[in-house]
N, C-alpha and C. Protein backbone atom coordinates (compact mmCIF):
# COMPACT_ATOMS: atom_id res chain seq x y z
N MET A 1 69.27 -18.76 -90.00
CA MET A 1 69.75 -19.36 -88.75
C MET A 1 69.42 -18.48 -87.56
N ALA A 2 69.67 -17.18 -87.69
CA ALA A 2 69.38 -16.26 -86.58
C ALA A 2 67.90 -16.26 -86.25
N GLU A 3 67.05 -16.45 -87.27
CA GLU A 3 65.61 -16.45 -87.04
C GLU A 3 65.21 -17.61 -86.13
N ILE A 4 65.90 -18.76 -86.26
CA ILE A 4 65.60 -19.91 -85.41
C ILE A 4 65.92 -19.58 -83.96
N VAL A 5 67.06 -18.94 -83.73
CA VAL A 5 67.45 -18.56 -82.38
C VAL A 5 66.45 -17.57 -81.80
N VAL A 6 66.07 -16.57 -82.59
CA VAL A 6 65.12 -15.57 -82.12
C VAL A 6 63.77 -16.22 -81.85
N SER A 7 63.38 -17.17 -82.68
CA SER A 7 62.13 -17.88 -82.47
C SER A 7 62.14 -18.61 -81.13
N ALA A 8 63.27 -19.19 -80.79
CA ALA A 8 63.39 -19.86 -79.48
C ALA A 8 63.32 -18.84 -78.35
N VAL A 9 63.92 -17.68 -78.55
CA VAL A 9 63.86 -16.62 -77.54
C VAL A 9 62.41 -16.18 -77.34
N VAL A 10 61.65 -16.07 -78.43
CA VAL A 10 60.25 -15.68 -78.32
C VAL A 10 59.48 -16.70 -77.48
N THR A 11 59.75 -17.97 -77.67
CA THR A 11 59.10 -19.01 -76.87
C THR A 11 59.39 -18.79 -75.39
N VAL A 12 60.62 -18.49 -75.05
CA VAL A 12 61.00 -18.23 -73.66
C VAL A 12 60.30 -16.97 -73.15
N LEU A 13 60.22 -15.94 -73.99
CA LEU A 13 59.55 -14.70 -73.58
C LEU A 13 58.08 -14.95 -73.24
N ILE A 14 57.43 -15.76 -74.05
CA ILE A 14 56.02 -16.08 -73.79
C ILE A 14 55.90 -16.80 -72.46
N GLU A 15 56.82 -17.70 -72.16
CA GLU A 15 56.81 -18.39 -70.87
C GLU A 15 57.03 -17.40 -69.72
N LYS A 16 57.92 -16.44 -69.92
CA LYS A 16 58.15 -15.42 -68.89
C LYS A 16 56.88 -14.62 -68.63
N LEU A 17 56.14 -14.35 -69.70
CA LEU A 17 54.94 -13.52 -69.56
C LEU A 17 53.83 -14.20 -68.77
N VAL A 18 53.89 -15.48 -68.58
CA VAL A 18 52.87 -16.15 -67.78
C VAL A 18 53.34 -16.37 -66.34
N SER A 19 54.53 -15.89 -66.03
CA SER A 19 55.06 -16.01 -64.67
C SER A 19 54.15 -15.27 -63.70
N GLY A 20 53.77 -15.95 -62.63
CA GLY A 20 52.89 -15.36 -61.62
C GLY A 20 53.49 -14.13 -60.97
N GLU A 21 54.76 -14.20 -60.60
CA GLU A 21 55.42 -13.07 -59.94
C GLU A 21 55.54 -11.87 -60.87
N LEU A 22 55.84 -12.14 -62.12
CA LEU A 22 55.98 -11.06 -63.09
C LEU A 22 54.64 -10.37 -63.32
N MET A 23 53.58 -11.15 -63.46
CA MET A 23 52.25 -10.56 -63.67
C MET A 23 51.77 -9.83 -62.42
N LYS A 24 52.12 -10.32 -61.25
CA LYS A 24 51.75 -9.64 -60.00
C LYS A 24 52.41 -8.26 -59.96
N LEU A 25 53.69 -8.20 -60.32
CA LEU A 25 54.39 -6.92 -60.38
C LEU A 25 53.76 -6.02 -61.44
N ALA A 26 53.47 -6.59 -62.60
CA ALA A 26 52.87 -5.81 -63.69
C ALA A 26 51.54 -5.20 -63.26
N ARG A 27 50.72 -5.97 -62.57
CA ARG A 27 49.44 -5.44 -62.08
C ARG A 27 49.67 -4.31 -61.08
N SER A 28 50.63 -4.48 -60.20
CA SER A 28 50.88 -3.45 -59.18
C SER A 28 51.42 -2.17 -59.80
N GLU A 29 52.08 -2.27 -60.95
CA GLU A 29 52.63 -1.10 -61.63
C GLU A 29 51.73 -0.58 -62.74
N GLY A 30 50.62 -1.27 -62.97
CA GLY A 30 49.69 -0.82 -64.00
C GLY A 30 50.16 -1.09 -65.43
N ILE A 31 51.02 -2.07 -65.61
CA ILE A 31 51.53 -2.38 -66.95
C ILE A 31 51.10 -3.76 -67.42
N ASP A 32 50.17 -4.37 -66.71
CA ASP A 32 49.75 -5.73 -67.07
C ASP A 32 49.08 -5.78 -68.44
N SER A 33 48.37 -4.71 -68.82
CA SER A 33 47.73 -4.73 -70.15
C SER A 33 48.79 -4.74 -71.25
N GLN A 34 49.92 -4.05 -71.03
CA GLN A 34 51.00 -4.05 -72.02
C GLN A 34 51.61 -5.45 -72.13
N LEU A 35 51.82 -6.11 -71.00
CA LEU A 35 52.39 -7.47 -71.04
C LEU A 35 51.43 -8.45 -71.71
N LYS A 36 50.14 -8.27 -71.49
CA LYS A 36 49.15 -9.12 -72.17
C LYS A 36 49.19 -8.89 -73.68
N LYS A 37 49.40 -7.63 -74.07
CA LYS A 37 49.52 -7.31 -75.50
C LYS A 37 50.73 -8.02 -76.08
N TRP A 38 51.84 -8.00 -75.35
CA TRP A 38 53.05 -8.70 -75.81
C TRP A 38 52.77 -10.19 -75.95
N LYS A 39 52.05 -10.75 -75.00
CA LYS A 39 51.75 -12.18 -75.03
C LYS A 39 50.96 -12.54 -76.29
N ARG A 40 50.10 -11.64 -76.75
CA ARG A 40 49.33 -11.86 -77.99
C ARG A 40 50.18 -11.61 -79.24
N THR A 41 51.09 -10.64 -79.17
CA THR A 41 51.84 -10.23 -80.35
C THR A 41 53.07 -11.08 -80.61
N LEU A 42 53.72 -11.56 -79.57
CA LEU A 42 54.96 -12.32 -79.74
C LEU A 42 54.79 -13.57 -80.61
N PRO A 43 53.71 -14.33 -80.50
CA PRO A 43 53.57 -15.48 -81.41
C PRO A 43 53.50 -15.05 -82.88
N MET A 44 52.93 -13.87 -83.15
CA MET A 44 52.89 -13.38 -84.53
C MET A 44 54.29 -13.04 -85.01
N ILE A 45 55.09 -12.43 -84.15
CA ILE A 45 56.48 -12.12 -84.50
C ILE A 45 57.23 -13.43 -84.76
N GLN A 46 57.00 -14.41 -83.91
CA GLN A 46 57.65 -15.71 -84.07
C GLN A 46 57.29 -16.34 -85.41
N ALA A 47 56.04 -16.26 -85.80
CA ALA A 47 55.61 -16.84 -87.08
C ALA A 47 56.24 -16.10 -88.27
N VAL A 48 56.33 -14.79 -88.18
CA VAL A 48 56.95 -14.01 -89.27
C VAL A 48 58.42 -14.37 -89.39
N LEU A 49 59.11 -14.49 -88.27
CA LEU A 49 60.53 -14.84 -88.31
C LEU A 49 60.75 -16.25 -88.85
N ALA A 50 59.88 -17.17 -88.48
CA ALA A 50 59.98 -18.54 -89.00
C ALA A 50 59.75 -18.56 -90.50
N ASP A 51 58.79 -17.77 -90.97
CA ASP A 51 58.51 -17.67 -92.40
C ASP A 51 59.71 -17.08 -93.13
N ALA A 52 60.33 -16.09 -92.54
CA ALA A 52 61.51 -15.47 -93.15
C ALA A 52 62.65 -16.47 -93.28
N GLU A 53 62.80 -17.31 -92.29
CA GLU A 53 63.86 -18.33 -92.33
C GLU A 53 63.63 -19.29 -93.49
N GLN A 54 62.39 -19.67 -93.72
CA GLN A 54 62.08 -20.61 -94.79
C GLN A 54 62.23 -19.98 -96.17
N LYS A 55 61.94 -18.70 -96.28
CA LYS A 55 61.97 -18.05 -97.59
C LYS A 55 63.31 -17.46 -97.95
N HIS A 56 64.24 -17.42 -97.02
CA HIS A 56 65.57 -16.86 -97.29
C HIS A 56 65.46 -15.50 -97.99
N ILE A 57 64.94 -14.56 -97.27
CA ILE A 57 64.69 -13.21 -97.80
C ILE A 57 65.97 -12.62 -98.39
N THR A 58 65.85 -12.08 -99.61
CA THR A 58 67.02 -11.51 -100.29
C THR A 58 66.89 -10.00 -100.49
N GLN A 59 65.70 -9.45 -100.35
CA GLN A 59 65.53 -8.01 -100.51
C GLN A 59 66.14 -7.30 -99.30
N LYS A 60 66.99 -6.33 -99.57
CA LYS A 60 67.73 -5.64 -98.50
C LYS A 60 66.78 -4.94 -97.53
N ALA A 61 65.76 -4.26 -98.02
CA ALA A 61 64.84 -3.54 -97.15
C ALA A 61 64.10 -4.50 -96.21
N VAL A 62 63.68 -5.63 -96.75
CA VAL A 62 62.98 -6.62 -95.93
C VAL A 62 63.94 -7.23 -94.92
N GLU A 63 65.15 -7.51 -95.36
CA GLU A 63 66.16 -8.06 -94.46
C GLU A 63 66.43 -7.11 -93.30
N LEU A 64 66.51 -5.82 -93.57
CA LEU A 64 66.73 -4.83 -92.51
C LEU A 64 65.53 -4.77 -91.56
N TRP A 65 64.34 -4.88 -92.11
CA TRP A 65 63.15 -4.88 -91.28
C TRP A 65 63.15 -6.09 -90.34
N PHE A 66 63.55 -7.25 -90.86
CA PHE A 66 63.62 -8.44 -90.02
C PHE A 66 64.68 -8.29 -88.93
N LYS A 67 65.79 -7.64 -89.25
CA LYS A 67 66.80 -7.38 -88.23
C LYS A 67 66.22 -6.50 -87.12
N ASP A 68 65.46 -5.48 -87.50
CA ASP A 68 64.81 -4.63 -86.51
C ASP A 68 63.86 -5.44 -85.64
N LEU A 69 63.13 -6.35 -86.26
CA LEU A 69 62.20 -7.19 -85.53
C LEU A 69 62.95 -8.10 -84.55
N GLN A 70 64.06 -8.63 -84.97
CA GLN A 70 64.88 -9.46 -84.08
C GLN A 70 65.40 -8.64 -82.91
N GLU A 71 65.87 -7.43 -83.20
CA GLU A 71 66.37 -6.57 -82.12
C GLU A 71 65.26 -6.22 -81.15
N LEU A 72 64.05 -6.02 -81.65
CA LEU A 72 62.91 -5.75 -80.80
C LEU A 72 62.68 -6.90 -79.83
N VAL A 73 62.76 -8.13 -80.33
CA VAL A 73 62.58 -9.30 -79.48
C VAL A 73 63.64 -9.31 -78.37
N TYR A 74 64.88 -9.02 -78.70
CA TYR A 74 65.93 -9.00 -77.69
C TYR A 74 65.71 -7.86 -76.70
N ASP A 75 65.21 -6.72 -77.16
CA ASP A 75 64.92 -5.62 -76.25
C ASP A 75 63.79 -5.98 -75.28
N ILE A 76 62.77 -6.65 -75.79
CA ILE A 76 61.68 -7.10 -74.93
C ILE A 76 62.22 -8.07 -73.89
N ASP A 77 63.11 -8.94 -74.31
CA ASP A 77 63.75 -9.88 -73.37
C ASP A 77 64.46 -9.11 -72.26
N ASP A 78 65.19 -8.06 -72.62
CA ASP A 78 65.88 -7.26 -71.61
C ASP A 78 64.90 -6.62 -70.63
N VAL A 79 63.80 -6.08 -71.16
CA VAL A 79 62.80 -5.45 -70.29
C VAL A 79 62.19 -6.49 -69.35
N LEU A 80 61.85 -7.65 -69.89
CA LEU A 80 61.26 -8.70 -69.05
C LEU A 80 62.25 -9.20 -68.00
N ASP A 81 63.52 -9.26 -68.35
CA ASP A 81 64.54 -9.62 -67.35
C ASP A 81 64.59 -8.58 -66.24
N ASP A 82 64.52 -7.31 -66.62
CA ASP A 82 64.50 -6.24 -65.61
C ASP A 82 63.27 -6.36 -64.71
N LEU A 83 62.13 -6.64 -65.31
CA LEU A 83 60.90 -6.81 -64.53
C LEU A 83 61.00 -8.01 -63.60
N ALA A 84 61.54 -9.11 -64.11
CA ALA A 84 61.69 -10.31 -63.29
C ALA A 84 62.64 -10.05 -62.13
N THR A 85 63.70 -9.31 -62.38
CA THR A 85 64.64 -8.95 -61.32
C THR A 85 63.95 -8.09 -60.27
N GLU A 86 63.18 -7.12 -60.72
CA GLU A 86 62.44 -6.26 -59.79
C GLU A 86 61.44 -7.08 -58.98
N ALA A 87 60.75 -8.02 -59.63
CA ALA A 87 59.79 -8.87 -58.92
C ALA A 87 60.48 -9.70 -57.86
N LEU A 88 61.64 -10.26 -58.20
CA LEU A 88 62.39 -11.05 -57.23
C LEU A 88 62.90 -10.19 -56.08
N THR A 89 63.38 -8.99 -56.41
CA THR A 89 63.85 -8.07 -55.37
C THR A 89 62.72 -7.74 -54.41
N ARG A 90 61.56 -7.46 -54.96
CA ARG A 90 60.41 -7.14 -54.10
C ARG A 90 60.01 -8.33 -53.24
N LYS A 91 60.08 -9.50 -53.83
CA LYS A 91 59.72 -10.70 -53.07
C LYS A 91 60.70 -10.91 -51.92
N LEU A 92 61.98 -10.68 -52.18
CA LEU A 92 63.00 -10.85 -51.15
C LEU A 92 62.92 -9.76 -50.08
N ASN A 93 62.46 -8.60 -50.47
CA ASN A 93 62.34 -7.47 -49.54
C ASN A 93 60.89 -7.25 -49.12
N GLN A 94 60.19 -8.32 -48.87
CA GLN A 94 58.76 -8.22 -48.53
C GLN A 94 58.56 -7.17 -47.45
N GLY A 95 57.65 -6.29 -47.73
CA GLY A 95 57.33 -5.24 -46.78
C GLY A 95 58.12 -3.96 -47.00
N SER A 96 59.29 -4.05 -47.61
CA SER A 96 60.04 -2.82 -47.88
C SER A 96 59.55 -2.23 -49.18
N HIS A 97 59.76 -0.97 -49.36
CA HIS A 97 59.28 -0.28 -50.56
C HIS A 97 60.41 -0.15 -51.56
N ALA A 98 60.55 -1.18 -52.42
CA ALA A 98 61.58 -1.13 -53.47
C ALA A 98 61.18 -0.07 -54.49
N SER A 99 62.14 0.62 -55.00
CA SER A 99 61.88 1.70 -55.95
C SER A 99 61.36 1.14 -57.26
N SER A 100 60.30 1.75 -57.74
CA SER A 100 59.76 1.34 -59.04
C SER A 100 60.07 2.38 -60.12
N SER A 101 60.90 3.35 -59.79
CA SER A 101 61.17 4.40 -60.77
C SER A 101 61.79 3.84 -62.04
N LYS A 102 62.60 2.80 -61.91
CA LYS A 102 63.20 2.21 -63.11
C LYS A 102 62.12 1.64 -64.02
N LEU A 103 61.13 0.98 -63.41
CA LEU A 103 60.03 0.42 -64.20
C LEU A 103 59.25 1.52 -64.89
N LEU A 104 58.99 2.57 -64.17
CA LEU A 104 58.22 3.66 -64.75
C LEU A 104 58.97 4.33 -65.88
N LYS A 105 60.29 4.34 -65.82
CA LYS A 105 61.08 4.93 -66.90
C LYS A 105 61.12 4.01 -68.11
N ILE A 106 61.21 2.70 -67.88
CA ILE A 106 61.37 1.75 -68.98
C ILE A 106 60.07 1.56 -69.75
N MET A 107 59.00 1.19 -69.08
CA MET A 107 57.78 0.78 -69.78
C MET A 107 57.16 1.88 -70.64
N PRO A 108 56.87 3.05 -70.11
CA PRO A 108 56.17 4.01 -70.96
C PRO A 108 56.98 4.46 -72.17
N THR A 109 58.29 4.56 -72.04
CA THR A 109 59.06 5.11 -73.14
C THR A 109 59.43 4.08 -74.19
N CYS A 110 59.58 2.84 -73.81
CA CYS A 110 60.12 1.91 -74.80
C CYS A 110 59.10 0.95 -75.37
N CYS A 111 58.05 0.70 -74.67
CA CYS A 111 57.27 -0.45 -75.08
C CYS A 111 55.79 -0.20 -75.24
N THR A 112 55.38 1.03 -75.27
CA THR A 112 53.96 1.27 -75.44
C THR A 112 53.55 1.22 -76.90
N ASN A 113 54.51 1.39 -77.79
CA ASN A 113 54.24 1.28 -79.22
C ASN A 113 55.11 0.16 -79.76
N PHE A 114 54.52 -0.84 -80.34
CA PHE A 114 55.22 -2.06 -80.71
C PHE A 114 55.85 -1.98 -82.09
N THR A 115 56.62 -0.91 -82.37
CA THR A 115 57.30 -0.82 -83.65
C THR A 115 58.79 -0.68 -83.41
N PRO A 116 59.61 -1.32 -84.22
CA PRO A 116 61.05 -1.26 -84.02
C PRO A 116 61.61 0.16 -84.05
N HIS A 117 61.00 1.04 -84.83
CA HIS A 117 61.54 2.39 -84.95
C HIS A 117 61.30 3.23 -83.71
N ASN A 118 60.33 2.86 -82.89
CA ASN A 118 60.02 3.63 -81.70
C ASN A 118 60.56 2.98 -80.43
N MET A 119 61.30 1.91 -80.56
CA MET A 119 61.78 1.16 -79.40
C MET A 119 62.91 1.91 -78.72
N MET A 120 62.76 2.15 -77.43
CA MET A 120 63.81 2.79 -76.63
C MET A 120 64.09 1.89 -75.44
N TYR A 121 65.33 1.85 -75.05
CA TYR A 121 65.68 1.11 -73.84
C TYR A 121 66.69 1.97 -73.09
N GLY A 122 66.33 2.39 -71.91
CA GLY A 122 67.19 3.31 -71.17
C GLY A 122 67.28 4.61 -71.94
N THR A 123 68.48 5.02 -72.27
CA THR A 123 68.65 6.26 -73.01
C THR A 123 69.03 6.00 -74.46
N MET A 124 69.11 4.73 -74.88
CA MET A 124 69.53 4.39 -76.23
C MET A 124 68.31 4.09 -77.09
N VAL A 125 68.21 4.72 -78.23
CA VAL A 125 67.12 4.46 -79.17
C VAL A 125 67.53 3.32 -80.07
N ILE A 126 66.69 2.30 -80.17
CA ILE A 126 66.96 1.15 -81.02
C ILE A 126 66.27 1.41 -82.36
N ARG A 127 67.03 1.43 -83.43
CA ARG A 127 66.47 1.66 -84.77
C ARG A 127 66.90 0.56 -85.70
């Protein structure tokens, strides 16, 4: 059941990744290649989660790995929400220099390696 919900979240994430304002911000911050990588990888995550739902995984190690994958999807959602908020803030403050330090802290540390064990968000390590 949770896999179905996460699969729907992945669909929304892919839609967010094609947002013009979000990609404009990503290009200005030099993180557009990472977002493009997510756009290619998220459908694969979605397919794996859908397959897991159909097979009703019973092995504990595999089940834990799928939980990590689900948490990764939610973490990516949080990062994209932060990026969308920053894009909107910049749009509303046209001409002012909104701080991008938060973006610079989030992207390089949490999302340059697409593995659940290396996922960081803020100061909390997601494992």
